Amino acid sequence: MRAVTTEIPPTQGVLLAGGLARRMGGGDKPMRTIGGRTILERVIARLEPQCDGLILNANGDPARFAAFGLPVIADDVPDFPGPLAGILAALDWTAANQPGIAWVLSAAADCPFLPRDLVARLHSARAKENAELAVAASDGQSHPVIGLWRVDLREALRHALTVEDVRKIDRWTARYRLATVAWPTDPVDPFFNANTVEDIAEAERLAALDAA
């Protein structure tokens, strides 16, 4: 757990692992191994020093993640509606279990090279731009799954998901003042994610470049 500072508000982290990994033939992408460590181990190592606790959003039997020692929360909304459901579950969990925390950082659990200044830079941009939400970007592309979310927006998000059938993160964030923070991609894009078997091979190469 990181030391809380006045510049960075207390922030709960959630690792989103609720997807079905169809492009890998099913299974848990974060459990694939890169450079002798699972992707999930790498994600935890990157985010644990930046957050005031981590939880894992995953569906199915939570026991398969027991070795990581994180609370595992499932989607509240049925039928795998996508990452917004995982974010909502994290906002609800934080409101119930960490009532003093007003912010949740979400990150894909299959991104092994996340930046070590992720939380700090997102909060800085959000505050500077008087934004309500903040998301990461690299190489001219936004990564809306990786962002900061206000816990007090959870009922608005629940309505969007369950009543309006909103599925795309961009569609929901467009309703709010949004700060977008770009990271450099040299030597490694910090938001590289392992979606396919070929990506795993590329991640092995990148891991040698990355000071993990």
N, C-alpha and C. Protein backbone atom coordinates (compact mmCIF):
# COMPACT_ATOMS: atom_id res chain seq x y z
N MET A 1 0.85 -1.19 0.00
CA MET A 1 0.00 0.00 0.00
C MET A 1 0.89 1.25 0.00
N ARG A 2 0.56 2.17 -0.88
CA ARG A 2 1.40 3.35 -0.97
C ARG A 2 1.10 4.32 0.16
N ALA A 3 2.04 5.22 0.40
CA ALA A 3 1.82 6.28 1.37
C ALA A 3 0.86 7.30 0.78
N VAL A 4 -0.19 7.62 1.51
CA VAL A 4 -1.17 8.58 1.01
C VAL A 4 -0.58 9.98 1.08
N THR A 5 -0.73 10.73 -0.01
CA THR A 5 -0.24 12.10 -0.04
C THR A 5 -1.40 13.04 -0.27
N THR A 6 -1.15 14.33 -0.04
CA THR A 6 -2.20 15.32 -0.25
C THR A 6 -2.48 15.51 -1.73
N GLU A 7 -1.50 15.22 -2.60
CA GLU A 7 -1.68 15.43 -4.03
C GLU A 7 -2.53 14.33 -4.66
N ILE A 8 -2.43 13.11 -4.15
CA ILE A 8 -3.14 11.99 -4.74
C ILE A 8 -4.20 11.50 -3.76
N PRO A 9 -5.47 11.68 -4.08
CA PRO A 9 -6.51 11.21 -3.16
C PRO A 9 -6.45 9.69 -3.01
N PRO A 10 -6.91 9.16 -1.88
CA PRO A 10 -6.97 7.71 -1.73
C PRO A 10 -7.72 7.09 -2.91
N THR A 11 -7.13 6.05 -3.45
CA THR A 11 -7.66 5.46 -4.69
C THR A 11 -7.65 3.94 -4.58
N GLN A 12 -8.82 3.34 -4.78
CA GLN A 12 -8.95 1.89 -4.81
C GLN A 12 -8.67 1.40 -6.23
N GLY A 13 -7.88 0.35 -6.36
CA GLY A 13 -7.61 -0.21 -7.67
C GLY A 13 -8.45 -1.44 -7.95
N VAL A 14 -8.92 -1.57 -9.20
CA VAL A 14 -9.60 -2.79 -9.62
C VAL A 14 -8.95 -3.30 -10.90
N LEU A 15 -8.64 -4.58 -10.92
CA LEU A 15 -8.08 -5.24 -12.09
C LEU A 15 -9.21 -5.98 -12.79
N LEU A 16 -9.47 -5.59 -14.02
CA LEU A 16 -10.60 -6.14 -14.76
C LEU A 16 -10.19 -7.41 -15.50
N ALA A 17 -10.73 -8.52 -15.04
CA ALA A 17 -10.42 -9.82 -15.66
C ALA A 17 -11.71 -10.57 -15.96
N GLY A 18 -12.76 -9.83 -16.24
CA GLY A 18 -14.07 -10.46 -16.42
C GLY A 18 -14.35 -10.93 -17.82
N GLY A 19 -13.43 -10.68 -18.78
CA GLY A 19 -13.67 -11.05 -20.17
C GLY A 19 -13.62 -12.55 -20.40
N LEU A 20 -14.03 -12.94 -21.60
CA LEU A 20 -14.13 -14.35 -21.93
C LEU A 20 -12.91 -14.89 -22.68
N ALA A 21 -11.99 -14.00 -23.08
CA ALA A 21 -10.74 -14.41 -23.75
C ALA A 21 -11.00 -15.29 -24.97
N ARG A 22 -11.99 -14.93 -25.77
CA ARG A 22 -12.34 -15.76 -26.93
C ARG A 22 -11.19 -15.89 -27.92
N ARG A 23 -10.40 -14.80 -28.05
CA ARG A 23 -9.32 -14.84 -29.04
C ARG A 23 -8.17 -15.74 -28.61
N MET A 24 -8.19 -16.18 -27.37
CA MET A 24 -7.19 -17.15 -26.90
C MET A 24 -7.82 -18.51 -26.67
N GLY A 25 -9.05 -18.67 -27.16
CA GLY A 25 -9.71 -19.96 -26.98
C GLY A 25 -10.30 -20.14 -25.60
N GLY A 26 -10.58 -19.02 -24.92
CA GLY A 26 -11.13 -19.09 -23.58
C GLY A 26 -10.05 -19.13 -22.51
N GLY A 27 -10.47 -19.19 -21.26
CA GLY A 27 -9.50 -19.20 -20.17
C GLY A 27 -9.19 -17.80 -19.68
N ASP A 28 -8.31 -17.72 -18.70
CA ASP A 28 -7.97 -16.45 -18.07
C ASP A 28 -6.68 -15.89 -18.66
N LYS A 29 -6.80 -14.85 -19.44
CA LYS A 29 -5.61 -14.23 -20.04
C LYS A 29 -4.58 -13.81 -18.98
N PRO A 30 -5.02 -13.21 -17.85
CA PRO A 30 -4.03 -12.76 -16.87
C PRO A 30 -3.19 -13.88 -16.26
N MET A 31 -3.62 -15.13 -16.43
CA MET A 31 -2.86 -16.25 -15.86
C MET A 31 -1.78 -16.77 -16.81
N ARG A 32 -1.74 -16.23 -18.04
CA ARG A 32 -0.66 -16.61 -18.96
C ARG A 32 0.67 -16.07 -18.42
N THR A 33 1.74 -16.77 -18.74
CA THR A 33 3.06 -16.43 -18.19
C THR A 33 3.90 -15.69 -19.21
N ILE A 34 4.55 -14.63 -18.74
CA ILE A 34 5.49 -13.85 -19.54
C ILE A 34 6.77 -13.70 -18.74
N GLY A 35 7.88 -14.11 -19.31
CA GLY A 35 9.15 -13.96 -18.62
C GLY A 35 9.17 -14.61 -17.25
N GLY A 36 8.49 -15.75 -17.12
CA GLY A 36 8.50 -16.48 -15.86
C GLY A 36 7.52 -15.99 -14.81
N ARG A 37 6.73 -14.96 -15.12
CA ARG A 37 5.74 -14.45 -14.17
C ARG A 37 4.40 -14.34 -14.88
N THR A 38 3.31 -14.60 -14.18
CA THR A 38 2.01 -14.42 -14.81
C THR A 38 1.78 -12.94 -15.09
N ILE A 39 0.94 -12.69 -16.09
CA ILE A 39 0.59 -11.31 -16.41
C ILE A 39 -0.03 -10.64 -15.17
N LEU A 40 -0.87 -11.38 -14.46
CA LEU A 40 -1.53 -10.81 -13.29
C LEU A 40 -0.52 -10.43 -12.22
N GLU A 41 0.50 -11.24 -12.01
CA GLU A 41 1.56 -10.88 -11.06
C GLU A 41 2.20 -9.55 -11.45
N ARG A 42 2.45 -9.38 -12.73
CA ARG A 42 3.08 -8.14 -13.21
C ARG A 42 2.16 -6.94 -13.00
N VAL A 43 0.87 -7.13 -13.27
CA VAL A 43 -0.08 -6.03 -13.07
C VAL A 43 -0.15 -5.64 -11.60
N ILE A 44 -0.24 -6.62 -10.73
CA ILE A 44 -0.30 -6.34 -9.29
C ILE A 44 0.95 -5.60 -8.84
N ALA A 45 2.12 -6.05 -9.30
CA ALA A 45 3.37 -5.40 -8.90
C ALA A 45 3.41 -3.93 -9.33
N ARG A 46 2.82 -3.64 -10.47
CA ARG A 46 2.81 -2.25 -10.96
C ARG A 46 1.84 -1.37 -10.17
N LEU A 47 0.67 -1.91 -9.85
CA LEU A 47 -0.39 -1.06 -9.29
C LEU A 47 -0.43 -1.03 -7.77
N GLU A 48 0.05 -2.08 -7.12
CA GLU A 48 -0.04 -2.13 -5.66
C GLU A 48 0.60 -0.92 -4.98
N PRO A 49 1.79 -0.46 -5.43
CA PRO A 49 2.38 0.71 -4.78
C PRO A 49 1.62 2.01 -5.04
N GLN A 50 0.74 2.02 -6.05
CA GLN A 50 0.06 3.24 -6.44
C GLN A 50 -1.33 3.38 -5.84
N CYS A 51 -1.89 2.28 -5.33
CA CYS A 51 -3.28 2.26 -4.90
C CYS A 51 -3.40 1.95 -3.41
N ASP A 52 -4.54 2.30 -2.85
CA ASP A 52 -4.84 2.01 -1.45
C ASP A 52 -5.61 0.70 -1.36
N GLY A 53 -5.07 -0.34 -1.95
CA GLY A 53 -5.71 -1.64 -2.00
C GLY A 53 -6.12 -1.99 -3.41
N LEU A 54 -6.12 -3.30 -3.71
CA LEU A 54 -6.51 -3.81 -5.02
C LEU A 54 -7.60 -4.87 -4.86
N ILE A 55 -8.52 -4.89 -5.82
CA ILE A 55 -9.50 -5.96 -5.92
C ILE A 55 -9.46 -6.48 -7.36
N LEU A 56 -9.97 -7.68 -7.56
CA LEU A 56 -9.97 -8.30 -8.87
C LEU A 56 -11.40 -8.55 -9.29
N ASN A 57 -11.76 -8.04 -10.46
CA ASN A 57 -13.08 -8.31 -11.02
C ASN A 57 -12.98 -9.50 -11.97
N ALA A 58 -13.63 -10.60 -11.60
CA ALA A 58 -13.62 -11.80 -12.42
C ALA A 58 -14.89 -12.58 -12.18
N ASN A 59 -15.36 -13.24 -13.22
CA ASN A 59 -16.57 -14.06 -13.11
C ASN A 59 -16.17 -15.53 -13.04
N GLY A 60 -17.10 -16.35 -12.56
CA GLY A 60 -16.78 -17.76 -12.39
C GLY A 60 -16.23 -18.04 -11.00
N ASP A 61 -15.58 -19.16 -10.85
CA ASP A 61 -15.07 -19.61 -9.55
C ASP A 61 -13.91 -18.72 -9.10
N PRO A 62 -14.08 -17.96 -8.02
CA PRO A 62 -13.01 -17.08 -7.57
C PRO A 62 -11.81 -17.81 -7.01
N ALA A 63 -11.96 -19.11 -6.69
CA ALA A 63 -10.88 -19.87 -6.06
C ALA A 63 -9.65 -19.95 -6.96
N ARG A 64 -9.83 -19.81 -8.28
CA ARG A 64 -8.68 -19.94 -9.17
C ARG A 64 -7.70 -18.79 -9.02
N PHE A 65 -8.13 -17.73 -8.35
CA PHE A 65 -7.25 -16.59 -8.11
C PHE A 65 -6.79 -16.51 -6.65
N ALA A 66 -7.06 -17.54 -5.87
CA ALA A 66 -6.81 -17.49 -4.42
C ALA A 66 -5.35 -17.19 -4.10
N ALA A 67 -4.43 -17.66 -4.93
CA ALA A 67 -3.01 -17.48 -4.63
C ALA A 67 -2.58 -16.04 -4.63
N PHE A 68 -3.37 -15.16 -5.24
CA PHE A 68 -2.96 -13.76 -5.33
C PHE A 68 -3.40 -12.94 -4.13
N GLY A 69 -4.27 -13.49 -3.30
CA GLY A 69 -4.63 -12.83 -2.06
C GLY A 69 -5.46 -11.56 -2.20
N LEU A 70 -6.16 -11.42 -3.31
CA LEU A 70 -7.00 -10.23 -3.53
C LEU A 70 -8.48 -10.59 -3.40
N PRO A 71 -9.29 -9.64 -2.89
CA PRO A 71 -10.74 -9.88 -2.96
C PRO A 71 -11.15 -10.01 -4.43
N VAL A 72 -11.99 -11.01 -4.72
CA VAL A 72 -12.48 -11.23 -6.08
C VAL A 72 -13.96 -10.90 -6.12
N ILE A 73 -14.33 -9.98 -7.00
CA ILE A 73 -15.73 -9.58 -7.11
C ILE A 73 -16.22 -9.87 -8.53
N ALA A 74 -17.44 -10.38 -8.62
CA ALA A 74 -18.03 -10.69 -9.91
C ALA A 74 -18.89 -9.52 -10.38
N ASP A 75 -19.23 -9.53 -11.67
CA ASP A 75 -20.16 -8.54 -12.20
C ASP A 75 -21.51 -8.67 -11.51
N ASP A 76 -22.16 -7.52 -11.24
CA ASP A 76 -23.53 -7.54 -10.73
C ASP A 76 -24.53 -7.67 -11.86
N VAL A 77 -24.14 -7.22 -13.05
CA VAL A 77 -25.02 -7.24 -14.21
C VAL A 77 -24.76 -8.53 -14.98
N PRO A 78 -25.80 -9.30 -15.32
CA PRO A 78 -25.59 -10.61 -15.95
C PRO A 78 -25.19 -10.53 -17.42
N ASP A 79 -24.79 -11.66 -17.97
CA ASP A 79 -24.55 -11.85 -19.41
C ASP A 79 -23.31 -11.14 -19.93
N PHE A 80 -22.30 -10.97 -19.11
CA PHE A 80 -21.02 -10.42 -19.54
C PHE A 80 -21.17 -9.14 -20.38
N PRO A 81 -21.73 -8.09 -19.81
CA PRO A 81 -21.96 -6.87 -20.60
C PRO A 81 -20.71 -6.05 -20.88
N GLY A 82 -19.55 -6.50 -20.42
CA GLY A 82 -18.33 -5.77 -20.74
C GLY A 82 -17.71 -5.09 -19.53
N PRO A 83 -16.63 -4.32 -19.77
CA PRO A 83 -15.87 -3.75 -18.66
C PRO A 83 -16.64 -2.75 -17.79
N LEU A 84 -17.66 -2.11 -18.33
CA LEU A 84 -18.44 -1.18 -17.49
C LEU A 84 -19.08 -1.91 -16.32
N ALA A 85 -19.45 -3.18 -16.52
CA ALA A 85 -20.04 -3.95 -15.42
C ALA A 85 -19.00 -4.20 -14.34
N GLY A 86 -17.76 -4.47 -14.73
CA GLY A 86 -16.69 -4.65 -13.76
C GLY A 86 -16.39 -3.36 -13.00
N ILE A 87 -16.42 -2.24 -13.71
CA ILE A 87 -16.20 -0.95 -13.06
C ILE A 87 -17.32 -0.67 -12.06
N LEU A 88 -18.56 -0.95 -12.45
CA LEU A 88 -19.68 -0.75 -11.53
C LEU A 88 -19.53 -1.62 -10.29
N ALA A 89 -19.16 -2.88 -10.47
CA ALA A 89 -18.97 -3.77 -9.33
C ALA A 89 -17.90 -3.23 -8.38
N ALA A 90 -16.85 -2.65 -8.97
CA ALA A 90 -15.77 -2.08 -8.15
C ALA A 90 -16.24 -0.84 -7.40
N LEU A 91 -17.04 -0.01 -8.05
CA LEU A 91 -17.57 1.19 -7.37
C LEU A 91 -18.47 0.78 -6.21
N ASP A 92 -19.31 -0.22 -6.44
CA ASP A 92 -20.20 -0.70 -5.37
C ASP A 92 -19.38 -1.29 -4.22
N TRP A 93 -18.36 -2.10 -4.55
CA TRP A 93 -17.53 -2.71 -3.51
C TRP A 93 -16.82 -1.64 -2.69
N THR A 94 -16.30 -0.63 -3.36
CA THR A 94 -15.58 0.42 -2.66
C THR A 94 -16.50 1.22 -1.75
N ALA A 95 -17.70 1.52 -2.24
CA ALA A 95 -18.67 2.25 -1.41
C ALA A 95 -19.01 1.47 -0.14
N ALA A 96 -19.11 0.15 -0.27
CA ALA A 96 -19.49 -0.68 0.87
C ALA A 96 -18.34 -0.98 1.81
N ASN A 97 -17.12 -1.13 1.26
CA ASN A 97 -16.00 -1.61 2.06
C ASN A 97 -14.94 -0.56 2.36
N GLN A 98 -14.88 0.49 1.56
CA GLN A 98 -13.92 1.57 1.76
C GLN A 98 -14.63 2.91 1.63
N PRO A 99 -15.54 3.22 2.57
CA PRO A 99 -16.38 4.41 2.42
C PRO A 99 -15.60 5.73 2.42
N GLY A 100 -14.36 5.70 2.87
CA GLY A 100 -13.55 6.92 2.85
C GLY A 100 -12.86 7.17 1.52
N ILE A 101 -13.01 6.26 0.57
CA ILE A 101 -12.34 6.39 -0.72
C ILE A 101 -13.34 6.82 -1.78
N ALA A 102 -13.02 7.89 -2.50
CA ALA A 102 -13.94 8.46 -3.48
C ALA A 102 -13.58 8.12 -4.91
N TRP A 103 -12.42 7.47 -5.12
CA TRP A 103 -11.95 7.20 -6.49
C TRP A 103 -11.54 5.75 -6.67
N VAL A 104 -11.85 5.23 -7.85
CA VAL A 104 -11.42 3.89 -8.24
C VAL A 104 -10.61 3.99 -9.52
N LEU A 105 -9.45 3.35 -9.52
CA LEU A 105 -8.67 3.19 -10.74
C LEU A 105 -8.97 1.83 -11.32
N SER A 106 -9.36 1.79 -12.59
CA SER A 106 -9.54 0.51 -13.26
C SER A 106 -8.39 0.27 -14.22
N ALA A 107 -8.02 -0.99 -14.37
CA ALA A 107 -6.98 -1.36 -15.33
C ALA A 107 -7.26 -2.77 -15.83
N ALA A 108 -6.96 -3.00 -17.09
CA ALA A 108 -7.12 -4.34 -17.64
C ALA A 108 -6.08 -5.26 -17.01
N ALA A 109 -6.52 -6.43 -16.60
CA ALA A 109 -5.61 -7.37 -15.93
C ALA A 109 -4.71 -8.10 -16.91
N ASP A 110 -4.80 -7.75 -18.21
CA ASP A 110 -3.91 -8.38 -19.20
C ASP A 110 -2.91 -7.38 -19.78
N CYS A 111 -2.66 -6.29 -19.03
CA CYS A 111 -1.67 -5.28 -19.44
C CYS A 111 -0.44 -5.38 -18.54
N PRO A 112 0.59 -6.11 -18.95
CA PRO A 112 1.71 -6.41 -18.05
C PRO A 112 2.69 -5.27 -17.84
N PHE A 113 2.60 -4.18 -18.62
CA PHE A 113 3.63 -3.14 -18.55
C PHE A 113 3.06 -1.78 -18.13
N LEU A 114 2.06 -1.78 -17.29
CA LEU A 114 1.40 -0.54 -16.88
C LEU A 114 2.39 0.45 -16.28
N PRO A 115 2.19 1.77 -16.52
CA PRO A 115 3.15 2.77 -16.02
C PRO A 115 3.11 2.88 -14.50
N ARG A 116 4.27 3.15 -13.95
CA ARG A 116 4.38 3.28 -12.49
C ARG A 116 3.85 4.62 -11.98
N ASP A 117 3.56 5.55 -12.90
CA ASP A 117 3.00 6.85 -12.50
C ASP A 117 1.56 6.98 -12.96
N LEU A 118 0.88 5.86 -13.18
CA LEU A 118 -0.47 5.88 -13.73
C LEU A 118 -1.44 6.67 -12.86
N VAL A 119 -1.53 6.33 -11.59
CA VAL A 119 -2.49 6.98 -10.70
C VAL A 119 -2.15 8.45 -10.52
N ALA A 120 -0.89 8.75 -10.32
CA ALA A 120 -0.47 10.14 -10.10
C ALA A 120 -0.80 11.03 -11.29
N ARG A 121 -0.48 10.57 -12.48
CA ARG A 121 -0.71 11.41 -13.67
C ARG A 121 -2.19 11.56 -14.00
N LEU A 122 -2.96 10.50 -13.81
CA LEU A 122 -4.40 10.62 -14.06
C LEU A 122 -5.05 11.60 -13.08
N HIS A 123 -4.68 11.50 -11.81
CA HIS A 123 -5.24 12.44 -10.83
C HIS A 123 -4.78 13.87 -11.11
N SER A 124 -3.54 14.03 -11.48
CA SER A 124 -3.03 15.38 -11.76
C SER A 124 -3.79 16.03 -12.91
N ALA A 125 -3.99 15.29 -13.98
CA ALA A 125 -4.71 15.83 -15.14
C ALA A 125 -6.18 16.10 -14.79
N ARG A 126 -6.78 15.19 -14.04
CA ARG A 126 -8.17 15.39 -13.65
C ARG A 126 -8.35 16.66 -12.85
N ALA A 127 -7.45 16.87 -11.89
CA ALA A 127 -7.54 18.06 -11.06
C ALA A 127 -7.26 19.33 -11.87
N LYS A 128 -6.24 19.28 -12.70
CA LYS A 128 -5.84 20.45 -13.50
C LYS A 128 -6.95 20.87 -14.45
N GLU A 129 -7.63 19.90 -15.04
CA GLU A 129 -8.67 20.18 -16.03
C GLU A 129 -10.07 20.24 -15.43
N ASN A 130 -10.16 20.12 -14.11
CA ASN A 130 -11.45 20.10 -13.42
C ASN A 130 -12.38 19.07 -14.05
N ALA A 131 -11.81 17.89 -14.32
CA ALA A 131 -12.56 16.82 -14.98
C ALA A 131 -13.23 15.92 -13.94
N GLU A 132 -14.25 15.21 -14.39
CA GLU A 132 -14.95 14.28 -13.52
C GLU A 132 -14.40 12.86 -13.62
N LEU A 133 -13.76 12.56 -14.75
CA LEU A 133 -13.17 11.26 -15.00
C LEU A 133 -11.85 11.46 -15.73
N ALA A 134 -11.01 10.43 -15.75
CA ALA A 134 -9.74 10.51 -16.48
C ALA A 134 -9.42 9.15 -17.06
N VAL A 135 -8.90 9.15 -18.30
CA VAL A 135 -8.51 7.88 -18.93
C VAL A 135 -7.11 8.02 -19.52
N ALA A 136 -6.50 6.88 -19.76
CA ALA A 136 -5.14 6.83 -20.30
C ALA A 136 -5.18 6.74 -21.82
N ALA A 137 -4.05 7.11 -22.45
CA ALA A 137 -3.91 7.02 -23.90
C ALA A 137 -2.44 6.79 -24.23
N SER A 138 -2.21 6.26 -25.45
CA SER A 138 -0.85 6.12 -25.97
C SER A 138 -0.95 5.95 -27.47
N ASP A 139 0.08 6.41 -28.17
CA ASP A 139 0.16 6.23 -29.61
C ASP A 139 -1.11 6.70 -30.32
N GLY A 140 -1.66 7.82 -29.86
CA GLY A 140 -2.84 8.40 -30.48
C GLY A 140 -4.14 7.67 -30.22
N GLN A 141 -4.12 6.73 -29.30
CA GLN A 141 -5.31 5.92 -29.02
C GLN A 141 -5.68 5.99 -27.54
N SER A 142 -6.95 6.23 -27.28
CA SER A 142 -7.43 6.23 -25.90
C SER A 142 -7.63 4.80 -25.42
N HIS A 143 -7.40 4.60 -24.11
CA HIS A 143 -7.60 3.28 -23.50
C HIS A 143 -8.63 3.44 -22.36
N PRO A 144 -9.91 3.50 -22.70
CA PRO A 144 -10.92 3.85 -21.70
C PRO A 144 -11.08 2.85 -20.57
N VAL A 145 -10.60 1.62 -20.75
CA VAL A 145 -10.67 0.64 -19.66
C VAL A 145 -9.72 1.03 -18.52
N ILE A 146 -8.71 1.83 -18.86
CA ILE A 146 -7.71 2.24 -17.86
C ILE A 146 -8.00 3.68 -17.48
N GLY A 147 -8.64 3.86 -16.32
CA GLY A 147 -9.06 5.21 -15.96
C GLY A 147 -9.43 5.37 -14.50
N LEU A 148 -9.78 6.60 -14.16
CA LEU A 148 -10.23 6.96 -12.83
C LEU A 148 -11.73 7.20 -12.85
N TRP A 149 -12.41 6.65 -11.85
CA TRP A 149 -13.87 6.72 -11.79
C TRP A 149 -14.30 7.20 -10.42
N ARG A 150 -15.27 8.10 -10.39
CA ARG A 150 -15.81 8.60 -9.13
C ARG A 150 -16.82 7.61 -8.56
N VAL A 151 -16.63 7.26 -7.31
CA VAL A 151 -17.53 6.30 -6.67
C VAL A 151 -18.96 6.82 -6.65
N ASP A 152 -19.12 8.14 -6.51
CA ASP A 152 -20.48 8.69 -6.41
C ASP A 152 -21.24 8.71 -7.74
N LEU A 153 -20.59 8.23 -8.81
CA LEU A 153 -21.30 8.10 -10.09
C LEU A 153 -21.87 6.70 -10.30
N ARG A 154 -21.80 5.85 -9.28
CA ARG A 154 -22.17 4.46 -9.51
C ARG A 154 -23.65 4.28 -9.85
N GLU A 155 -24.53 5.09 -9.27
CA GLU A 155 -25.95 4.92 -9.60
C GLU A 155 -26.24 5.38 -11.02
N ALA A 156 -25.55 6.41 -11.47
CA ALA A 156 -25.70 6.85 -12.87
C ALA A 156 -25.20 5.76 -13.81
N LEU A 157 -24.10 5.11 -13.45
CA LEU A 157 -23.57 4.03 -14.28
C LEU A 157 -24.51 2.83 -14.26
N ARG A 158 -25.07 2.52 -13.11
CA ARG A 158 -26.00 1.39 -13.02
C ARG A 158 -27.22 1.62 -13.94
N HIS A 159 -27.72 2.84 -13.93
CA HIS A 159 -28.86 3.18 -14.79
C HIS A 159 -28.48 3.04 -16.26
N ALA A 160 -27.29 3.53 -16.61
CA ALA A 160 -26.84 3.44 -18.00
C ALA A 160 -26.73 1.99 -18.46
N LEU A 161 -26.22 1.13 -17.57
CA LEU A 161 -26.03 -0.28 -17.92
C LEU A 161 -27.34 -1.05 -17.97
N THR A 162 -28.17 -0.89 -16.95
CA THR A 162 -29.33 -1.76 -16.80
C THR A 162 -30.59 -1.23 -17.46
N VAL A 163 -30.68 0.08 -17.62
CA VAL A 163 -31.88 0.67 -18.23
C VAL A 163 -31.63 1.09 -19.67
N GLU A 164 -30.48 1.75 -19.90
CA GLU A 164 -30.19 2.26 -21.24
C GLU A 164 -29.41 1.28 -22.11
N ASP A 165 -28.96 0.19 -21.51
CA ASP A 165 -28.18 -0.82 -22.22
C ASP A 165 -26.91 -0.25 -22.83
N VAL A 166 -26.28 0.68 -22.14
CA VAL A 166 -24.99 1.23 -22.57
C VAL A 166 -23.92 0.17 -22.32
N ARG A 167 -23.11 -0.11 -23.33
CA ARG A 167 -22.06 -1.12 -23.20
C ARG A 167 -20.67 -0.52 -23.42
N LYS A 168 -20.55 0.41 -24.32
CA LYS A 168 -19.24 0.98 -24.64
C LYS A 168 -18.86 2.05 -23.61
N ILE A 169 -17.64 1.95 -23.11
CA ILE A 169 -17.17 2.92 -22.11
C ILE A 169 -17.20 4.33 -22.68
N ASP A 170 -16.77 4.48 -23.94
CA ASP A 170 -16.72 5.81 -24.54
C ASP A 170 -18.09 6.49 -24.55
N ARG A 171 -19.11 5.71 -24.75
CA ARG A 171 -20.47 6.27 -24.80
C ARG A 171 -20.86 6.83 -23.44
N TRP A 172 -20.41 6.18 -22.38
CA TRP A 172 -20.76 6.67 -21.04
C TRP A 172 -19.87 7.85 -20.63
N THR A 173 -18.57 7.74 -20.89
CA THR A 173 -17.68 8.83 -20.47
C THR A 173 -17.96 10.12 -21.23
N ALA A 174 -18.58 10.02 -22.40
CA ALA A 174 -18.90 11.22 -23.19
C ALA A 174 -19.88 12.13 -22.45
N ARG A 175 -20.53 11.63 -21.43
CA ARG A 175 -21.49 12.43 -20.66
C ARG A 175 -20.82 13.31 -19.61
N TYR A 176 -19.51 13.12 -19.43
CA TYR A 176 -18.82 13.79 -18.33
C TYR A 176 -17.58 14.53 -18.84
N ARG A 177 -17.10 15.46 -18.01
CA ARG A 177 -15.83 16.13 -18.33
C ARG A 177 -14.72 15.10 -18.17
N LEU A 178 -13.99 14.87 -19.24
CA LEU A 178 -13.03 13.77 -19.28
C LEU A 178 -11.63 14.29 -19.57
N ALA A 179 -10.68 13.93 -18.72
CA ALA A 179 -9.27 14.23 -18.97
C ALA A 179 -8.63 12.98 -19.60
N THR A 180 -7.85 13.20 -20.66
CA THR A 180 -7.14 12.11 -21.32
C THR A 180 -5.65 12.34 -21.20
N VAL A 181 -4.93 11.37 -20.69
CA VAL A 181 -3.49 11.51 -20.41
C VAL A 181 -2.73 10.53 -21.29
N ALA A 182 -1.79 11.05 -22.09
CA ALA A 182 -1.01 10.21 -23.01
C ALA A 182 0.34 9.85 -22.42
N TRP A 183 0.74 8.62 -22.64
CA TRP A 183 2.06 8.12 -22.23
C TRP A 183 2.91 7.82 -23.47
N PRO A 184 4.23 7.95 -23.36
CA PRO A 184 5.10 7.57 -24.48
C PRO A 184 5.12 6.06 -24.67
N THR A 185 5.48 5.63 -25.87
CA THR A 185 5.49 4.19 -26.18
C THR A 185 6.89 3.64 -26.38
N ASP A 186 7.89 4.43 -26.07
CA ASP A 186 9.28 3.99 -26.22
C ASP A 186 9.90 3.79 -24.83
N PRO A 187 10.48 2.62 -24.55
CA PRO A 187 10.71 1.49 -25.44
C PRO A 187 9.53 0.52 -25.53
N VAL A 188 8.54 0.67 -24.62
CA VAL A 188 7.40 -0.24 -24.57
C VAL A 188 6.13 0.57 -24.39
N ASP A 189 5.09 0.23 -25.16
CA ASP A 189 3.79 0.84 -24.92
C ASP A 189 3.28 0.30 -23.58
N PRO A 190 3.08 1.18 -22.58
CA PRO A 190 2.69 0.68 -21.26
C PRO A 190 1.29 0.06 -21.23
N PHE A 191 0.53 0.26 -22.31
CA PHE A 191 -0.83 -0.28 -22.34
C PHE A 191 -0.98 -1.43 -23.34
N PHE A 192 0.16 -1.98 -23.74
CA PHE A 192 0.13 -3.20 -24.54
C PHE A 192 -0.66 -4.26 -23.78
N ASN A 193 -1.61 -4.90 -24.47
CA ASN A 193 -2.35 -5.96 -23.80
C ASN A 193 -2.30 -7.25 -24.61
N ALA A 194 -2.31 -8.33 -23.90
CA ALA A 194 -2.14 -9.65 -24.50
C ALA A 194 -3.50 -10.24 -24.84
N ASN A 195 -3.95 -9.99 -26.08
CA ASN A 195 -5.27 -10.47 -26.50
C ASN A 195 -5.22 -11.80 -27.23
N THR A 196 -4.09 -12.09 -27.88
CA THR A 196 -4.00 -13.29 -28.71
C THR A 196 -2.75 -14.08 -28.33
N VAL A 197 -2.66 -15.27 -28.86
CA VAL A 197 -1.47 -16.10 -28.63
C VAL A 197 -0.24 -15.40 -29.19
N GLU A 198 -0.41 -14.73 -30.33
CA GLU A 198 0.71 -13.98 -30.93
C GLU A 198 1.15 -12.85 -30.01
N ASP A 199 0.21 -12.22 -29.32
CA ASP A 199 0.56 -11.14 -28.39
C ASP A 199 1.43 -11.65 -27.25
N ILE A 200 1.21 -12.86 -26.82
CA ILE A 200 2.02 -13.43 -25.75
C ILE A 200 3.47 -13.51 -26.20
N ALA A 201 3.69 -13.94 -27.43
CA ALA A 201 5.05 -14.02 -27.96
C ALA A 201 5.69 -12.64 -28.02
N GLU A 202 4.91 -11.64 -28.45
CA GLU A 202 5.43 -10.27 -28.49
C GLU A 202 5.71 -9.76 -27.08
N ALA A 203 4.86 -10.11 -26.13
CA ALA A 203 5.07 -9.68 -24.75
C ALA A 203 6.35 -10.25 -24.18
N GLU A 204 6.71 -11.46 -24.56
CA GLU A 204 7.98 -12.04 -24.11
C GLU A 204 9.14 -11.18 -24.59
N ARG A 205 9.05 -10.70 -25.83
CA ARG A 205 10.11 -9.83 -26.35
C ARG A 205 10.14 -8.50 -25.61
N LEU A 206 8.97 -7.92 -25.39
CA LEU A 206 8.89 -6.62 -24.71
C LEU A 206 9.35 -6.71 -23.26
N ALA A 207 9.08 -7.85 -22.62
CA ALA A 207 9.47 -8.00 -21.22
C ALA A 207 10.96 -7.85 -21.04
N ALA A 208 11.72 -8.24 -22.06
CA ALA A 208 13.18 -8.10 -21.98
C ALA A 208 13.60 -6.64 -22.04
N LEU A 209 12.76 -5.79 -22.65
CA LEU A 209 13.06 -4.36 -22.74
C LEU A 209 12.57 -3.58 -21.53
N ASP A 210 11.60 -4.15 -20.88
CA ASP A 210 10.93 -3.44 -19.78
C ASP A 210 11.58 -3.78 -18.45
N ALA A 211 11.88 -2.77 -17.69
CA ALA A 211 12.49 -2.99 -16.36
C ALA A 211 11.39 -3.33 -15.37
N ALA A 212 10.88 -4.52 -15.47
CA ALA A 212 9.75 -4.92 -14.62
C ALA A 212 10.22 -5.27 -13.23
